[in-house]
Amino acid sequence: MIIIGLFLLSEGILFSIYCLHPEWNENIKFGATVLAAAFALFEFLQKTQHDRFESAGEFIKRWNDPVIDSVRKEVRSILTDALLLEPLIRKSENHVFNQDQKDKRSQLIGVLNFFEELALAVHKKRADERYLYDFFSVTVKMVWTKFTPWIDADRRFGDASYWDEFEALAKRWGKEPPWWI
């Protein structure tokens, strides 16, 4: 609101000078155009930042959604070694899992895909990285560290690019101190 007031005040001053000093009209027109362009750019950047915060908030909202509570519990079980990850890791291209293992793998793939999507949003600057870092950095680092053998096996027997963005984000966020300090 203050910016809008300053913009209007500046435009008012320029208009007054325009009326009082006709010999400066071309310079005043140019100055007013530059000022208007600067204001438009400022508003665009403000909107972009607002959208990034909104997007980051949506990731946090999705992660905390009660619908995926069971998935978060599975991840927590793996992170605390209450559930072993080893039986869920592919040992060969044609590895056969029982139904319970398939269900757990499906949930865990969903979690990895969530973090891949989050990493893509950060990489493409669609979500505010600092906000997401504050909320997810510990989880991202822990999940990446614990799931690396799983991811390596899935890459070896599937697509070598599985969860590349997640890996890059985990490495980036693993740096101390954070890069923006």
C-alpha atoms as a PDB file:
ATOM      1  CA  MET A   1       0.000   0.000   0.000  1.00  0.00           C
ATOM      2  CA  ILE A   2       2.884   2.351   0.795  1.00  0.00           C
ATOM      3  CA  ILE A   3       4.400   1.663  -2.622  1.00  0.00           C
ATOM      4  CA  ILE A   4       1.145   2.582  -4.361  1.00  0.00           C
ATOM      5  CA  GLY A   5       1.005   5.821  -2.342  1.00  0.00           C
ATOM      6  CA  LEU A   6       4.593   6.669  -3.275  1.00  0.00           C
ATOM      7  CA  PHE A   7       3.875   5.881  -6.907  1.00  0.00           C
ATOM      8  CA  LEU A   8       0.792   8.136  -6.959  1.00  0.00           C
ATOM      9  CA  LEU A   9       2.649  10.902  -5.138  1.00  0.00           C
ATOM     10  CA  SER A  10       5.535  10.687  -7.623  1.00  0.00           C
ATOM     11  CA  GLU A  11       3.170  10.725 -10.585  1.00  0.00           C
ATOM     12  CA  GLY A  12       1.345  13.724  -9.041  1.00  0.00           C
ATOM     13  CA  ILE A  13       4.604  15.632  -8.650  1.00  0.00           C
ATOM     14  CA  LEU A  14       5.593  14.808 -12.225  1.00  0.00           C
ATOM     15  CA  PHE A  15       2.189  15.962 -13.481  1.00  0.00           C
ATOM     16  CA  SER A  16       2.497  19.232 -11.536  1.00  0.00           C
ATOM     17  CA  ILE A  17       5.934  19.891 -13.015  1.00  0.00           C
ATOM     18  CA  TYR A  18       4.567  18.965 -16.445  1.00  0.00           C
ATOM     19  CA  CYS A  19       1.856  21.612 -16.101  1.00  0.00           C
ATOM     20  CA  LEU A  20       4.148  24.290 -14.604  1.00  0.00           C
ATOM     21  CA  HIS A  21       7.136  23.836 -16.909  1.00  0.00           C
ATOM     22  CA  PRO A  22       6.063  23.040 -20.493  1.00  0.00           C
ATOM     23  CA  GLU A  23       9.675  23.196 -21.649  1.00  0.00           C
ATOM     24  CA  TRP A  24      10.372  20.014 -19.641  1.00  0.00           C
ATOM     25  CA  ASN A  25       7.397  18.072 -20.994  1.00  0.00           C
ATOM     26  CA  GLU A  26       9.400  15.548 -23.022  1.00  0.00           C
ATOM     27  CA  ASN A  27      11.643  14.795 -20.040  1.00  0.00           C
ATOM     28  CA  ILE A  28       8.635  14.548 -17.735  1.00  0.00           C
ATOM     29  CA  LYS A  29       6.873  12.139 -20.118  1.00  0.00           C
ATOM     30  CA  PHE A  30       9.977   9.974 -20.206  1.00  0.00           C
ATOM     31  CA  GLY A  31      10.346  10.067 -16.407  1.00  0.00           C
ATOM     32  CA  ALA A  32       6.695   9.192 -15.893  1.00  0.00           C
ATOM     33  CA  THR A  33       7.006   6.279 -18.318  1.00  0.00           C
ATOM     34  CA  VAL A  34      10.087   4.953 -16.527  1.00  0.00           C
ATOM     35  CA  LEU A  35       8.375   5.338 -13.152  1.00  0.00           C
ATOM     36  CA  ALA A  36       5.263   3.519 -14.388  1.00  0.00           C
ATOM     37  CA  ALA A  37       7.394   0.718 -15.838  1.00  0.00           C
ATOM     38  CA  ALA A  38       9.303   0.382 -12.557  1.00  0.00           C
ATOM     39  CA  PHE A  39       6.020   0.189 -10.640  1.00  0.00           C
ATOM     40  CA  ALA A  40       4.670  -2.446 -13.036  1.00  0.00           C
ATOM     41  CA  LEU A  41       7.856  -4.481 -12.644  1.00  0.00           C
ATOM     42  CA  PHE A  42       7.672  -4.186  -8.874  1.00  0.00           C
ATOM     43  CA  GLU A  43       4.049  -5.374  -8.865  1.00  0.00           C
ATOM     44  CA  PHE A  44       4.931  -8.268 -11.175  1.00  0.00           C
ATOM     45  CA  LEU A  45       7.763  -9.370  -8.872  1.00  0.00           C
ATOM     46  CA  GLN A  46       5.509  -9.056  -5.824  1.00  0.00           C
ATOM     47  CA  LYS A  47       2.882 -11.241  -7.505  1.00  0.00           C
ATOM     48  CA  THR A  48       5.524 -13.790  -8.494  1.00  0.00           C
ATOM     49  CA  GLN A  49       6.796 -13.989  -4.916  1.00  0.00           C
ATOM     50  CA  HIS A  50       3.252 -14.307  -3.608  1.00  0.00           C
ATOM     51  CA  ASP A  51       2.589 -17.165  -6.037  1.00  0.00           C
ATOM     52  CA  ARG A  52       5.793 -18.908  -4.905  1.00  0.00           C
ATOM     53  CA  PHE A  53       4.719 -18.680  -1.269  1.00  0.00           C
ATOM     54  CA  GLU A  54       1.288 -20.029  -2.191  1.00  0.00           C
ATOM     55  CA  SER A  55       2.858 -22.937  -4.059  1.00  0.00           C
ATOM     56  CA  ALA A  56       5.170 -23.737  -1.134  1.00  0.00           C
ATOM     57  CA  GLY A  57       2.189 -23.601   1.196  1.00  0.00           C
ATOM     58  CA  GLU A  58       0.362 -26.101  -1.014  1.00  0.00           C
ATOM     59  CA  PHE A  59       3.263 -28.568  -0.696  1.00  0.00           C
ATOM     60  CA  ILE A  60       3.161 -28.224   3.076  1.00  0.00           C
ATOM     61  CA  LYS A  61      -0.617 -28.615   3.073  1.00  0.00           C
ATOM     62  CA  ARG A  62      -0.387 -31.759   0.921  1.00  0.00           C
ATOM     63  CA  TRP A  63       2.324 -33.260   3.140  1.00  0.00           C
ATOM     64  CA  ASN A  64       0.198 -32.685   6.252  1.00  0.00           C
ATOM     65  CA  ASP A  65      -3.028 -33.905   4.671  1.00  0.00           C
ATOM     66  CA  PRO A  66      -4.610 -36.611   6.863  1.00  0.00           C
ATOM     67  CA  VAL A  67      -5.250 -38.660   3.709  1.00  0.00           C
ATOM     68  CA  ILE A  68      -1.527 -39.486   3.460  1.00  0.00           C
ATOM     69  CA  ASP A  69      -0.994 -40.006   7.192  1.00  0.00           C
ATOM     70  CA  SER A  70      -0.419 -43.733   6.666  1.00  0.00           C
ATOM     71  CA  VAL A  71       2.248 -42.974   4.062  1.00  0.00           C
ATOM     72  CA  ARG A  72       4.043 -40.588   6.413  1.00  0.00           C
ATOM     73  CA  LYS A  73       3.912 -43.295   9.109  1.00  0.00           C
ATOM     74  CA  GLU A  74       5.560 -45.787   6.733  1.00  0.00           C
ATOM     75  CA  VAL A  75       8.318 -43.295   5.979  1.00  0.00           C
ATOM     76  CA  ARG A  76       8.751 -42.558   9.685  1.00  0.00           C
ATOM     77  CA  SER A  77       8.971 -46.320  10.357  1.00  0.00           C
ATOM     78  CA  ILE A  78      11.725 -46.658   7.784  1.00  0.00           C
ATOM     79  CA  LEU A  79      13.594 -43.594   9.043  1.00  0.00           C
ATOM     80  CA  THR A  80      13.553 -44.964  12.599  1.00  0.00           C
ATOM     81  CA  ASP A  81      14.418 -48.514  11.440  1.00  0.00           C
ATOM     82  CA  ALA A  82      11.100 -49.850  12.757  1.00  0.00           C
ATOM     83  CA  LEU A  83      10.394 -51.019   9.198  1.00  0.00           C
ATOM     84  CA  LEU A  84      13.272 -52.435   7.205  1.00  0.00           C
ATOM     85  CA  LEU A  85      13.804 -50.978   3.770  1.00  0.00           C
ATOM     86  CA  GLU A  86      15.978 -53.871   2.571  1.00  0.00           C
ATOM     87  CA  PRO A  87      13.099 -56.292   1.725  1.00  0.00           C
ATOM     88  CA  LEU A  88      11.535 -53.568  -0.455  1.00  0.00           C
ATOM     89  CA  ILE A  89      14.638 -52.990  -2.603  1.00  0.00           C
ATOM     90  CA  ARG A  90      14.756 -54.498  -6.090  1.00  0.00           C
ATOM     91  CA  LYS A  91      17.465 -57.140  -6.379  1.00  0.00           C
ATOM     92  CA  SER A  92      17.065 -57.777 -10.093  1.00  0.00           C
ATOM     93  CA  GLU A  93      15.105 -56.564 -13.069  1.00  0.00           C
ATOM     94  CA  ASN A  94      12.520 -59.316 -12.604  1.00  0.00           C
ATOM     95  CA  HIS A  95      12.411 -59.247  -8.807  1.00  0.00           C
ATOM     96  CA  VAL A  96       9.091 -60.529  -7.439  1.00  0.00           C
ATOM     97  CA  PHE A  97       7.484 -58.865  -4.424  1.00  0.00           C
ATOM     98  CA  ASN A  98       4.571 -60.172  -2.387  1.00  0.00           C
ATOM     99  CA  GLN A  99       1.402 -58.058  -2.214  1.00  0.00           C
ATOM    100  CA  ASP A 100       2.311 -56.401   1.100  1.00  0.00           C
ATOM    101  CA  GLN A 101       5.710 -55.419  -0.304  1.00  0.00           C
ATOM    102  CA  LYS A 102       4.089 -54.100  -3.468  1.00  0.00           C
ATOM    103  CA  ASP A 103       1.710 -51.975  -1.398  1.00  0.00           C
ATOM    104  CA  LYS A 104       4.542 -50.552   0.721  1.00  0.00           C
ATOM    105  CA  ARG A 105       6.666 -49.908  -2.372  1.00  0.00           C
ATOM    106  CA  SER A 106       3.762 -48.092  -3.972  1.00  0.00           C
ATOM    107  CA  GLN A 107       3.399 -45.830  -0.949  1.00  0.00           C
ATOM    108  CA  LEU A 108       7.122 -45.146  -0.794  1.00  0.00           C
ATOM    109  CA  ILE A 109       7.325 -44.412  -4.518  1.00  0.00           C
ATOM    110  CA  GLY A 110       4.534 -41.904  -3.926  1.00  0.00           C
ATOM    111  CA  VAL A 111       6.656 -40.209  -1.259  1.00  0.00           C
ATOM    112  CA  LEU A 112       9.715 -40.111  -3.504  1.00  0.00           C
ATOM    113  CA  ASN A 113       7.585 -38.712  -6.326  1.00  0.00           C
ATOM    114  CA  PHE A 114       6.243 -36.043  -3.947  1.00  0.00           C
ATOM    115  CA  PHE A 115       9.800 -34.951  -3.164  1.00  0.00           C
ATOM    116  CA  GLU A 116      10.707 -35.089  -6.861  1.00  0.00           C
ATOM    117  CA  GLU A 117       7.781 -32.774  -7.588  1.00  0.00           C
ATOM    118  CA  LEU A 118       8.824 -30.463  -4.738  1.00  0.00           C
ATOM    119  CA  ALA A 119      12.395 -30.404  -6.066  1.00  0.00           C
ATOM    120  CA  LEU A 120      11.164 -29.574  -9.571  1.00  0.00           C
ATOM    121  CA  ALA A 121       9.068 -26.707  -8.196  1.00  0.00           C
ATOM    122  CA  VAL A 122      12.125 -25.351  -6.381  1.00  0.00           C
ATOM    123  CA  HIS A 123      14.394 -25.843  -9.401  1.00  0.00           C
ATOM    124  CA  LYS A 124      11.923 -24.136 -11.764  1.00  0.00           C
ATOM    125  CA  LYS A 125      11.316 -21.384  -9.164  1.00  0.00           C
ATOM    126  CA  ARG A 126       7.616 -22.226  -8.939  1.00  0.00           C
ATOM    127  CA  ALA A 127       7.762 -22.471  -5.123  1.00  0.00           C
ATOM    128  CA  ASP A 128       9.617 -20.439  -2.513  1.00  0.00           C
ATOM    129  CA  GLU A 129      12.770 -22.367  -1.634  1.00  0.00           C
ATOM    130  CA  ARG A 130      13.453 -20.757   1.740  1.00  0.00           C
ATOM    131  CA  TYR A 131       9.935 -21.475   2.960  1.00  0.00           C
ATOM    132  CA  LEU A 132      10.174 -25.089   1.812  1.00  0.00           C
ATOM    133  CA  TYR A 133      13.676 -25.410   3.261  1.00  0.00           C
ATOM    134  CA  ASP A 134      12.456 -24.255   6.661  1.00  0.00           C
ATOM    135  CA  PHE A 135       9.712 -26.866   6.640  1.00  0.00           C
ATOM    136  CA  PHE A 136      11.206 -29.822   4.729  1.00  0.00           C
ATOM    137  CA  SER A 137      15.019 -29.639   4.935  1.00  0.00           C
ATOM    138  CA  VAL A 138      15.456 -32.190   7.721  1.00  0.00           C
ATOM    139  CA  THR A 139      12.949 -34.577   6.139  1.00  0.00           C
ATOM    140  CA  VAL A 140      14.469 -34.219   2.665  1.00  0.00           C
ATOM    141  CA  LYS A 141      17.975 -34.947   3.960  1.00  0.00           C
ATOM    142  CA  MET A 142      16.835 -37.909   6.077  1.00  0.00           C
ATOM    143  CA  VAL A 143      14.666 -39.453   3.350  1.00  0.00           C
ATOM    144  CA  TRP A 144      17.395 -39.032   0.741  1.00  0.00           C
ATOM    145  CA  THR A 145      20.051 -40.575   2.985  1.00  0.00           C
ATOM    146  CA  LYS A 146      17.894 -43.512   4.037  1.00  0.00           C
ATOM    147  CA  PHE A 147      16.413 -44.192   0.586  1.00  0.00           C
ATOM    148  CA  THR A 148      19.628 -43.941  -1.447  1.00  0.00           C
ATOM    149  CA  PRO A 149      20.077 -47.757  -1.688  1.00  0.00           C
ATOM    150  CA  TRP A 150      16.442 -48.089  -2.825  1.00  0.00           C
ATOM    151  CA  ILE A 151      16.842 -45.326  -5.404  1.00  0.00           C
ATOM    152  CA  ASP A 152      20.149 -46.739  -6.660  1.00  0.00           C
ATOM    153  CA  ALA A 153      18.534 -50.175  -7.162  1.00  0.00           C
ATOM    154  CA  ASP A 154      15.508 -48.713  -8.954  1.00  0.00           C
ATOM    155  CA  ARG A 155      17.834 -46.704 -11.187  1.00  0.00           C
ATOM    156  CA  ARG A 156      19.964 -49.762 -11.894  1.00  0.00           C
ATOM    157  CA  PHE A 157      16.963 -51.921 -12.879  1.00  0.00           C
ATOM    158  CA  GLY A 158      14.756 -49.179 -14.290  1.00  0.00           C
ATOM    159  CA  ASP A 159      15.310 -45.626 -15.430  1.00  0.00           C
ATOM    160  CA  ALA A 160      18.680 -44.119 -14.501  1.00  0.00           C
ATOM    161  CA  SER A 161      17.079 -40.692 -14.064  1.00  0.00           C
ATOM    162  CA  TYR A 162      14.607 -41.686 -11.337  1.00  0.00           C
ATOM    163  CA  TRP A 163      14.428 -38.935  -8.713  1.00  0.00           C
ATOM    164  CA  ASP A 164      17.301 -36.851 -10.149  1.00  0.00           C
ATOM    165  CA  GLU A 165      15.728 -33.568  -9.067  1.00  0.00           C
ATOM    166  CA  PHE A 166      15.173 -34.894  -5.551  1.00  0.00           C
ATOM    167  CA  GLU A 167      18.829 -35.941  -5.397  1.00  0.00           C
ATOM    168  CA  ALA A 168      20.011 -32.504  -6.532  1.00  0.00           C
ATOM    169  CA  LEU A 169      17.791 -30.797  -3.949  1.00  0.00           C
ATOM    170  CA  ALA A 170      18.936 -33.086  -1.124  1.00  0.00           C
ATOM    171  CA  LYS A 171      22.570 -32.369  -1.987  1.00  0.00           C
ATOM    172  CA  ARG A 172      21.899 -28.641  -2.265  1.00  0.00           C
ATOM    173  CA  TRP A 173      20.092 -28.520   1.061  1.00  0.00           C
ATOM    174  CA  GLY A 174      22.745 -30.714   2.651  1.00  0.00           C
ATOM    175  CA  LYS A 175      25.347 -27.975   2.316  1.00  0.00           C
ATOM    176  CA  GLU A 176      26.194 -26.128   5.504  1.00  0.00           C
ATOM    177  CA  PRO A 177      25.536 -23.286   5.956  1.00  0.00           C
ATOM    178  CA  PRO A 178      22.610 -22.806   3.584  1.00  0.00           C
ATOM    179  CA  TRP A 179      23.648 -21.115   0.338  1.00  0.00           C
ATOM    180  CA  TRP A 180      21.564 -17.979   0.902  1.00  0.00           C
ATOM    181  CA  ILE A 181      23.292 -16.840   4.095  1.00  0.00           C
END
